Amino acid sequence: GGGCGATFFVWAQHHGVVRDLATSDNTDLAAEYLRP
């Protein structure tokens, strides 16, 4: 965030989706998307 606010703002949104998929019971969805 101290490096570039605009890049950080886009990058930061991404992690919440990763956390949600990582704890999802929809294992097929997680298996399809978590690695990329």
ModelCIF file with pLDDT and N, C-alpha, C, O atoms, coordinates in Angstrom:
data_MODEL
#
_entry.id   MODEL 
#
_entity.id                         1 
_entity.type                       polymer 
_entity.pdbx_number_of_molecules   1 
#
_entity_poly.entity_id                      1 
_entity_poly.type                           'polypeptide(L)' 
_entity_poly.nstd_linkage                   no 
_entity_poly.nstd_monomer                   no 
_entity_poly.pdbx_seq_one_letter_code       GGGCGATFFVWAQHHGVVRDLATSDNTDLAAEYLRP 
_entity_poly.pdbx_seq_one_letter_code_can   GGGCGATFFVWAQHHGVVRDLATSDNTDLAAEYLRP 
_entity_poly.pdbx_strand_id                 A 
#
loop_
_entity_poly_seq.entity_id 
_entity_poly_seq.num 
_entity_poly_seq.mon_id 
_entity_poly_seq.hetero 
1 1  GLY n 
1 2  GLY n 
1 3  GLY n 
1 4  CYS n 
1 5  GLY n 
1 6  ALA n 
1 7  THR n 
1 8  PHE n 
1 9  PHE n 
1 10 VAL n 
1 11 TRP n 
1 12 ALA n 
1 13 GLN n 
1 14 HIS n 
1 15 HIS n 
1 16 GLY n 
1 17 VAL n 
1 18 VAL n 
1 19 ARG n 
1 20 ASP n 
1 21 LEU n 
1 22 ALA n 
1 23 THR n 
1 24 SER n 
1 25 ASP n 
1 26 ASN n 
1 27 THR n 
1 28 ASP n 
1 29 LEU n 
1 30 ALA n 
1 31 ALA n 
1 32 GLU n 
1 33 TYR n 
1 34 LEU n 
1 35 ARG n 
1 36 PRO n 
#
_struct_asym.id          A 
_struct_asym.entity_id   1 
#
loop_
_ma_qa_metric.id 
_ma_qa_metric.mode 
_ma_qa_metric.name 
_ma_qa_metric.software_group_id 
_ma_qa_metric.type 
1 global pLDDT . pLDDT 
2 local  pLDDT . pLDDT 
#
_ma_qa_metric_global.metric_id      1 
_ma_qa_metric_global.metric_value   97.00 
_ma_qa_metric_global.model_id       1 
_ma_qa_metric_global.ordinal_id     1 
#
loop_
_ma_qa_metric_local.label_asym_id 
_ma_qa_metric_local.label_comp_id 
_ma_qa_metric_local.label_seq_id 
_ma_qa_metric_local.metric_id 
_ma_qa_metric_local.metric_value 
_ma_qa_metric_local.model_id 
_ma_qa_metric_local.ordinal_id 
A GLY 1  2 98.00 1 1  
A GLY 2  2 98.00 1 2  
A GLY 3  2 98.00 1 3  
A CYS 4  2 98.00 1 4  
A GLY 5  2 97.00 1 5  
A ALA 6  2 97.00 1 6  
A THR 7  2 98.00 1 7  
A PHE 8  2 98.00 1 8  
A PHE 9  2 96.00 1 9  
A VAL 10 2 97.00 1 10 
A TRP 11 2 98.00 1 11 
A ALA 12 2 96.00 1 12 
A GLN 13 2 94.00 1 13 
A HIS 14 2 97.00 1 14 
A HIS 15 2 96.00 1 15 
A GLY 16 2 95.00 1 16 
A VAL 17 2 97.00 1 17 
A VAL 18 2 97.00 1 18 
A ARG 19 2 96.00 1 19 
A ASP 20 2 97.00 1 20 
A LEU 21 2 97.00 1 21 
A ALA 22 2 96.00 1 22 
A THR 23 2 96.00 1 23 
A SER 24 2 97.00 1 24 
A ASP 25 2 97.00 1 25 
A ASN 26 2 98.00 1 26 
A THR 27 2 97.00 1 27 
A ASP 28 2 97.00 1 28 
A LEU 29 2 97.00 1 29 
A ALA 30 2 97.00 1 30 
A ALA 31 2 97.00 1 31 
A GLU 32 2 97.00 1 32 
A TYR 33 2 98.00 1 33 
A LEU 34 2 97.00 1 34 
A ARG 35 2 98.00 1 35 
A PRO 36 2 98.00 1 36 
#
loop_
_atom_site.group_PDB 
_atom_site.id 
_atom_site.type_symbol 
_atom_site.label_atom_id 
_atom_site.label_alt_id 
_atom_site.label_comp_id 
_atom_site.label_asym_id 
_atom_site.label_entity_id 
_atom_site.label_seq_id 
_atom_site.pdbx_PDB_ins_code 
_atom_site.Cartn_x 
_atom_site.Cartn_y 
_atom_site.Cartn_z 
_atom_site.occupancy 
_atom_site.B_iso_or_equiv 
_atom_site.pdbx_formal_charge 
_atom_site.auth_seq_id 
_atom_site.auth_comp_id 
_atom_site.auth_asym_id 
_atom_site.auth_atom_id 
_atom_site.pdbx_PDB_model_num 
ATOM 1   N N  . GLY A 1 1  ? 0.798   -1.210  0.000   1.00 98.00 ? 1  GLY A N  1 
ATOM 2   C CA . GLY A 1 1  ? 0.000   0.000   0.000   1.00 98.00 ? 1  GLY A CA 1 
ATOM 3   C C  . GLY A 1 1  ? 0.832   1.261   0.000   1.00 98.00 ? 1  GLY A C  1 
ATOM 4   O O  . GLY A 1 1  ? 0.412   2.277   -0.555  1.00 98.00 ? 1  GLY A O  1 
ATOM 5   N N  . GLY A 1 2  ? 1.998   1.220   0.608   1.00 98.00 ? 2  GLY A N  1 
ATOM 6   C CA . GLY A 1 2  ? 2.892   2.370   0.596   1.00 98.00 ? 2  GLY A CA 1 
ATOM 7   C C  . GLY A 1 2  ? 3.673   2.509   -0.691  1.00 98.00 ? 2  GLY A C  1 
ATOM 8   O O  . GLY A 1 2  ? 4.328   3.527   -0.918  1.00 98.00 ? 2  GLY A O  1 
ATOM 9   N N  . GLY A 1 3  ? 3.610   1.485   -1.546  1.00 98.00 ? 3  GLY A N  1 
ATOM 10  C CA . GLY A 1 3  ? 4.318   1.539   -2.817  1.00 98.00 ? 3  GLY A CA 1 
ATOM 11  C C  . GLY A 1 3  ? 3.525   2.218   -3.913  1.00 98.00 ? 3  GLY A C  1 
ATOM 12  O O  . GLY A 1 3  ? 4.015   3.133   -4.575  1.00 98.00 ? 3  GLY A O  1 
ATOM 13  N N  . CYS A 1 4  ? 2.288   1.762   -4.104  1.00 98.00 ? 4  CYS A N  1 
ATOM 14  C CA . CYS A 1 4  ? 1.424   2.327   -5.143  1.00 98.00 ? 4  CYS A CA 1 
ATOM 15  C C  . CYS A 1 4  ? -0.015  2.067   -4.740  1.00 98.00 ? 4  CYS A C  1 
ATOM 16  O O  . CYS A 1 4  ? -0.462  0.920   -4.731  1.00 98.00 ? 4  CYS A O  1 
ATOM 17  N N  . GLY A 1 5  ? -0.741  3.120   -4.408  1.00 97.00 ? 5  GLY A N  1 
ATOM 18  C CA . GLY A 1 5  ? -2.096  2.950   -3.916  1.00 97.00 ? 5  GLY A CA 1 
ATOM 19  C C  . GLY A 1 5  ? -3.032  2.332   -4.927  1.00 97.00 ? 5  GLY A C  1 
ATOM 20  O O  . GLY A 1 5  ? -3.854  1.493   -4.561  1.00 97.00 ? 5  GLY A O  1 
ATOM 21  N N  . ALA A 1 6  ? -2.937  2.718   -6.194  1.00 97.00 ? 6  ALA A N  1 
ATOM 22  C CA . ALA A 1 6  ? -3.849  2.196   -7.204  1.00 97.00 ? 6  ALA A CA 1 
ATOM 23  C C  . ALA A 1 6  ? -3.639  0.692   -7.409  1.00 97.00 ? 6  ALA A C  1 
ATOM 24  O O  . ALA A 1 6  ? -4.600  -0.075  -7.459  1.00 97.00 ? 6  ALA A O  1 
ATOM 25  N N  . THR A 1 7  ? -2.381  0.285   -7.526  1.00 98.00 ? 7  THR A N  1 
ATOM 26  C CA . THR A 1 7  ? -2.094  -1.145  -7.674  1.00 98.00 ? 7  THR A CA 1 
ATOM 27  C C  . THR A 1 7  ? -2.543  -1.904  -6.435  1.00 98.00 ? 7  THR A C  1 
ATOM 28  O O  . THR A 1 7  ? -3.136  -2.978  -6.529  1.00 98.00 ? 7  THR A O  1 
ATOM 29  N N  . PHE A 1 8  ? -2.253  -1.330  -5.272  1.00 98.00 ? 8  PHE A N  1 
ATOM 30  C CA . PHE A 1 8  ? -2.653  -1.982  -4.023  1.00 98.00 ? 8  PHE A CA 1 
ATOM 31  C C  . PHE A 1 8  ? -4.160  -2.150  -3.942  1.00 98.00 ? 8  PHE A C  1 
ATOM 32  O O  . PHE A 1 8  ? -4.635  -3.190  -3.486  1.00 98.00 ? 8  PHE A O  1 
ATOM 33  N N  . PHE A 1 9  ? -4.919  -1.159  -4.371  1.00 96.00 ? 9  PHE A N  1 
ATOM 34  C CA . PHE A 1 9  ? -6.363  -1.204  -4.246  1.00 96.00 ? 9  PHE A CA 1 
ATOM 35  C C  . PHE A 1 9  ? -6.957  -2.353  -5.049  1.00 96.00 ? 9  PHE A C  1 
ATOM 36  O O  . PHE A 1 9  ? -7.885  -3.021  -4.593  1.00 96.00 ? 9  PHE A O  1 
ATOM 37  N N  . VAL A 1 10 ? -6.422  -2.582  -6.247  1.00 97.00 ? 10 VAL A N  1 
ATOM 38  C CA . VAL A 1 10 ? -6.874  -3.712  -7.065  1.00 97.00 ? 10 VAL A CA 1 
ATOM 39  C C  . VAL A 1 10 ? -6.408  -5.032  -6.451  1.00 97.00 ? 10 VAL A C  1 
ATOM 40  O O  . VAL A 1 10 ? -7.183  -5.983  -6.348  1.00 97.00 ? 10 VAL A O  1 
ATOM 41  N N  . TRP A 1 11 ? -5.154  -5.083  -6.050  1.00 98.00 ? 11 TRP A N  1 
ATOM 42  C CA . TRP A 1 11 ? -4.563  -6.310  -5.497  1.00 98.00 ? 11 TRP A CA 1 
ATOM 43  C C  . TRP A 1 11 ? -5.236  -6.709  -4.198  1.00 98.00 ? 11 TRP A C  1 
ATOM 44  O O  . TRP A 1 11 ? -5.446  -7.897  -3.955  1.00 98.00 ? 11 TRP A O  1 
ATOM 45  N N  . ALA A 1 12 ? -5.579  -5.745  -3.363  1.00 96.00 ? 12 ALA A N  1 
ATOM 46  C CA . ALA A 1 12 ? -6.148  -6.049  -2.047  1.00 96.00 ? 12 ALA A CA 1 
ATOM 47  C C  . ALA A 1 12 ? -7.525  -6.694  -2.151  1.00 96.00 ? 12 ALA A C  1 
ATOM 48  O O  . ALA A 1 12 ? -7.868  -7.553  -1.338  1.00 96.00 ? 12 ALA A O  1 
ATOM 49  N N  . GLN A 1 13 ? -8.331  -6.282  -3.160  1.00 94.00 ? 13 GLN A N  1 
ATOM 50  C CA . GLN A 1 13 ? -9.671  -6.863  -3.300  1.00 94.00 ? 13 GLN A CA 1 
ATOM 51  C C  . GLN A 1 13 ? -9.596  -8.370  -3.550  1.00 94.00 ? 13 GLN A C  1 
ATOM 52  O O  . GLN A 1 13 ? -10.462 -9.133  -3.123  1.00 94.00 ? 13 GLN A O  1 
ATOM 53  N N  . HIS A 1 14 ? -8.554  -8.771  -4.243  1.00 97.00 ? 14 HIS A N  1 
ATOM 54  C CA . HIS A 1 14 ? -8.379  -10.151 -4.674  1.00 97.00 ? 14 HIS A CA 1 
ATOM 55  C C  . HIS A 1 14 ? -8.305  -11.125 -3.495  1.00 97.00 ? 14 HIS A C  1 
ATOM 56  O O  . HIS A 1 14 ? -8.822  -12.240 -3.575  1.00 97.00 ? 14 HIS A O  1 
ATOM 57  N N  . HIS A 1 15 ? -7.667  -10.705 -2.409  1.00 96.00 ? 15 HIS A N  1 
ATOM 58  C CA . HIS A 1 15 ? -7.391  -11.645 -1.320  1.00 96.00 ? 15 HIS A CA 1 
ATOM 59  C C  . HIS A 1 15 ? -8.648  -12.098 -0.589  1.00 96.00 ? 15 HIS A C  1 
ATOM 60  O O  . HIS A 1 15 ? -8.709  -13.222 -0.091  1.00 96.00 ? 15 HIS A O  1 
ATOM 61  N N  . GLY A 1 16 ? -9.649  -11.228 -0.523  1.00 95.00 ? 16 GLY A N  1 
ATOM 62  C CA . GLY A 1 16 ? -10.890 -11.640 0.114   1.00 95.00 ? 16 GLY A CA 1 
ATOM 63  C C  . GLY A 1 16 ? -11.572 -12.769 -0.636  1.00 95.00 ? 16 GLY A C  1 
ATOM 64  O O  . GLY A 1 16 ? -12.166 -13.657 -0.025  1.00 95.00 ? 16 GLY A O  1 
ATOM 65  N N  . VAL A 1 17 ? -11.487 -12.738 -1.956  1.00 97.00 ? 17 VAL A N  1 
ATOM 66  C CA . VAL A 1 17 ? -12.076 -13.806 -2.770  1.00 97.00 ? 17 VAL A CA 1 
ATOM 67  C C  . VAL A 1 17 ? -11.301 -15.107 -2.562  1.00 97.00 ? 17 VAL A C  1 
ATOM 68  O O  . VAL A 1 17 ? -11.893 -16.183 -2.480  1.00 97.00 ? 17 VAL A O  1 
ATOM 69  N N  . VAL A 1 18 ? -9.976  -15.002 -2.476  1.00 97.00 ? 18 VAL A N  1 
ATOM 70  C CA . VAL A 1 18 ? -9.157  -16.197 -2.208  1.00 97.00 ? 18 VAL A CA 1 
ATOM 71  C C  . VAL A 1 18 ? -9.544  -16.815 -0.861  1.00 97.00 ? 18 VAL A C  1 
ATOM 72  O O  . VAL A 1 18 ? -9.710  -18.030 -0.754  1.00 97.00 ? 18 VAL A O  1 
ATOM 73  N N  . ARG A 1 19 ? -9.687  -15.965 0.166   1.00 96.00 ? 19 ARG A N  1 
ATOM 74  C CA . ARG A 1 19 ? -10.056 -16.486 1.493   1.00 96.00 ? 19 ARG A CA 1 
ATOM 75  C C  . ARG A 1 19 ? -11.424 -17.163 1.457   1.00 96.00 ? 19 ARG A C  1 
ATOM 76  O O  . ARG A 1 19 ? -11.615 -18.224 2.053   1.00 96.00 ? 19 ARG A O  1 
ATOM 77  N N  . ASP A 1 20 ? -12.373 -16.545 0.757   1.00 97.00 ? 20 ASP A N  1 
ATOM 78  C CA . ASP A 1 20 ? -13.708 -17.138 0.685   1.00 97.00 ? 20 ASP A CA 1 
ATOM 79  C C  . ASP A 1 20 ? -13.678 -18.496 -0.012  1.00 97.00 ? 20 ASP A C  1 
ATOM 80  O O  . ASP A 1 20 ? -14.313 -19.447 0.445   1.00 97.00 ? 20 ASP A O  1 
ATOM 81  N N  . LEU A 1 21 ? -12.943 -18.584 -1.110  1.00 97.00 ? 21 LEU A N  1 
ATOM 82  C CA . LEU A 1 21 ? -12.879 -19.870 -1.830  1.00 97.00 ? 21 LEU A CA 1 
ATOM 83  C C  . LEU A 1 21 ? -12.111 -20.914 -1.037  1.00 97.00 ? 21 LEU A C  1 
ATOM 84  O O  . LEU A 1 21 ? -12.448 -22.097 -1.070  1.00 97.00 ? 21 LEU A O  1 
ATOM 85  N N  . ALA A 1 22 ? -11.085 -20.481 -0.329  1.00 96.00 ? 22 ALA A N  1 
ATOM 86  C CA . ALA A 1 22 ? -10.264 -21.419 0.442   1.00 96.00 ? 22 ALA A CA 1 
ATOM 87  C C  . ALA A 1 22 ? -11.067 -22.087 1.556   1.00 96.00 ? 22 ALA A C  1 
ATOM 88  O O  . ALA A 1 22 ? -10.733 -23.194 1.978   1.00 96.00 ? 22 ALA A O  1 
ATOM 89  N N  . THR A 1 23 ? -12.123 -21.428 2.036   1.00 96.00 ? 23 THR A N  1 
ATOM 90  C CA . THR A 1 23 ? -12.938 -21.984 3.124   1.00 96.00 ? 23 THR A CA 1 
ATOM 91  C C  . THR A 1 23 ? -14.303 -22.456 2.633   1.00 96.00 ? 23 THR A C  1 
ATOM 92  O O  . THR A 1 23 ? -15.164 -22.806 3.440   1.00 96.00 ? 23 THR A O  1 
ATOM 93  N N  . SER A 1 24 ? -14.507 -22.469 1.315   1.00 97.00 ? 24 SER A N  1 
ATOM 94  C CA . SER A 1 24 ? -15.805 -22.825 0.758   1.00 97.00 ? 24 SER A CA 1 
ATOM 95  C C  . SER A 1 24 ? -16.043 -24.337 0.782   1.00 97.00 ? 24 SER A C  1 
ATOM 96  O O  . SER A 1 24 ? -15.120 -25.134 0.613   1.00 97.00 ? 24 SER A O  1 
ATOM 97  N N  . ASP A 1 25 ? -17.301 -24.702 0.996   1.00 97.00 ? 25 ASP A N  1 
ATOM 98  C CA . ASP A 1 25 ? -17.690 -26.113 0.873   1.00 97.00 ? 25 ASP A CA 1 
ATOM 99  C C  . ASP A 1 25 ? -17.836 -26.522 -0.583  1.00 97.00 ? 25 ASP A C  1 
ATOM 100 O O  . ASP A 1 25 ? -17.956 -27.710 -0.883  1.00 97.00 ? 25 ASP A O  1 
ATOM 101 N N  . ASN A 1 26 ? -17.828 -25.556 -1.487  1.00 98.00 ? 26 ASN A N  1 
ATOM 102 C CA . ASN A 1 26 ? -17.910 -25.844 -2.916  1.00 98.00 ? 26 ASN A CA 1 
ATOM 103 C C  . ASN A 1 26 ? -16.503 -26.185 -3.409  1.00 98.00 ? 26 ASN A C  1 
ATOM 104 O O  . ASN A 1 26 ? -15.819 -25.354 -4.007  1.00 98.00 ? 26 ASN A O  1 
ATOM 105 N N  . THR A 1 27 ? -16.096 -27.399 -3.148  1.00 97.00 ? 27 THR A N  1 
ATOM 106 C CA . THR A 1 27 ? -14.719 -27.809 -3.449  1.00 97.00 ? 27 THR A CA 1 
ATOM 107 C C  . THR A 1 27 ? -14.433 -27.831 -4.948  1.00 97.00 ? 27 THR A C  1 
ATOM 108 O O  . THR A 1 27 ? -13.289 -27.639 -5.361  1.00 97.00 ? 27 THR A O  1 
ATOM 109 N N  . ASP A 1 28 ? -15.462 -28.063 -5.767  1.00 97.00 ? 28 ASP A N  1 
ATOM 110 C CA . ASP A 1 28 ? -15.250 -28.044 -7.220  1.00 97.00 ? 28 ASP A CA 1 
ATOM 111 C C  . ASP A 1 28 ? -14.884 -26.637 -7.685  1.00 97.00 ? 28 ASP A C  1 
ATOM 112 O O  . ASP A 1 28 ? -14.002 -26.466 -8.527  1.00 97.00 ? 28 ASP A O  1 
ATOM 113 N N  . LEU A 1 29 ? -15.558 -25.639 -7.140  1.00 97.00 ? 29 LEU A N  1 
ATOM 114 C CA . LEU A 1 29 ? -15.268 -24.256 -7.504  1.00 97.00 ? 29 LEU A CA 1 
ATOM 115 C C  . LEU A 1 29 ? -13.865 -23.872 -7.045  1.00 97.00 ? 29 LEU A C  1 
ATOM 116 O O  . LEU A 1 29 ? -13.120 -23.217 -7.774  1.00 97.00 ? 29 LEU A O  1 
ATOM 117 N N  . ALA A 1 30 ? -13.516 -24.285 -5.837  1.00 97.00 ? 30 ALA A N  1 
ATOM 118 C CA . ALA A 1 30 ? -12.182 -23.995 -5.315  1.00 97.00 ? 30 ALA A CA 1 
ATOM 119 C C  . ALA A 1 30 ? -11.112 -24.678 -6.160  1.00 97.00 ? 30 ALA A C  1 
ATOM 120 O O  . ALA A 1 30 ? -10.085 -24.077 -6.476  1.00 97.00 ? 30 ALA A O  1 
ATOM 121 N N  . ALA A 1 31 ? -11.351 -25.916 -6.520  1.00 97.00 ? 31 ALA A N  1 
ATOM 122 C CA . ALA A 1 31 ? -10.365 -26.661 -7.309  1.00 97.00 ? 31 ALA A CA 1 
ATOM 123 C C  . ALA A 1 31 ? -10.166 -26.042 -8.688  1.00 97.00 ? 31 ALA A C  1 
ATOM 124 O O  . ALA A 1 31 ? -9.071  -26.106 -9.247  1.00 97.00 ? 31 ALA A O  1 
ATOM 125 N N  . GLU A 1 32 ? -11.216 -25.444 -9.237  1.00 97.00 ? 32 GLU A N  1 
ATOM 126 C CA . GLU A 1 32 ? -11.124 -24.849 -10.572 1.00 97.00 ? 32 GLU A CA 1 
ATOM 127 C C  . GLU A 1 32 ? -10.347 -23.537 -10.566 1.00 97.00 ? 32 GLU A C  1 
ATOM 128 O O  . GLU A 1 32 ? -9.607  -23.251 -11.507 1.00 97.00 ? 32 GLU A O  1 
ATOM 129 N N  . TYR A 1 33 ? -10.511 -22.737 -9.513  1.00 98.00 ? 33 TYR A N  1 
ATOM 130 C CA . TYR A 1 33 ? -10.016 -21.366 -9.569  1.00 98.00 ? 33 TYR A CA 1 
ATOM 131 C C  . TYR A 1 33 ? -8.888  -21.008 -8.609  1.00 98.00 ? 33 TYR A C  1 
ATOM 132 O O  . TYR A 1 33 ? -8.162  -20.047 -8.864  1.00 98.00 ? 33 TYR A O  1 
ATOM 133 N N  . LEU A 1 34 ? -8.717  -21.744 -7.518  1.00 97.00 ? 34 LEU A N  1 
ATOM 134 C CA . LEU A 1 34 ? -7.761  -21.287 -6.514  1.00 97.00 ? 34 LEU A CA 1 
ATOM 135 C C  . LEU A 1 34 ? -6.324  -21.221 -7.028  1.00 97.00 ? 34 LEU A C  1 
ATOM 136 O O  . LEU A 1 34 ? -5.604  -20.269 -6.723  1.00 97.00 ? 34 LEU A O  1 
ATOM 137 N N  . ARG A 1 35 ? -5.906  -22.200 -7.789  1.00 98.00 ? 35 ARG A N  1 
ATOM 138 C CA . ARG A 1 35 ? -4.505  -22.186 -8.245  1.00 98.00 ? 35 ARG A CA 1 
ATOM 139 C C  . ARG A 1 35 ? -4.215  -20.989 -9.152  1.00 98.00 ? 35 ARG A C  1 
ATOM 140 O O  . ARG A 1 35 ? -3.243  -20.278 -8.897  1.00 98.00 ? 35 ARG A O  1 
ATOM 141 N N  . PRO A 1 36 ? -5.005  -20.729 -10.196 1.00 98.00 ? 36 PRO A N  1 
ATOM 142 C CA . PRO A 1 36 ? -4.706  -19.517 -10.999 1.00 98.00 ? 36 PRO A CA 1 
ATOM 143 C C  . PRO A 1 36 ? -4.905  -18.217 -10.223 1.00 98.00 ? 36 PRO A C  1 
ATOM 144 O O  . PRO A 1 36 ? -4.693  -17.134 -10.768 1.00 98.00 ? 36 PRO A O  1 
#
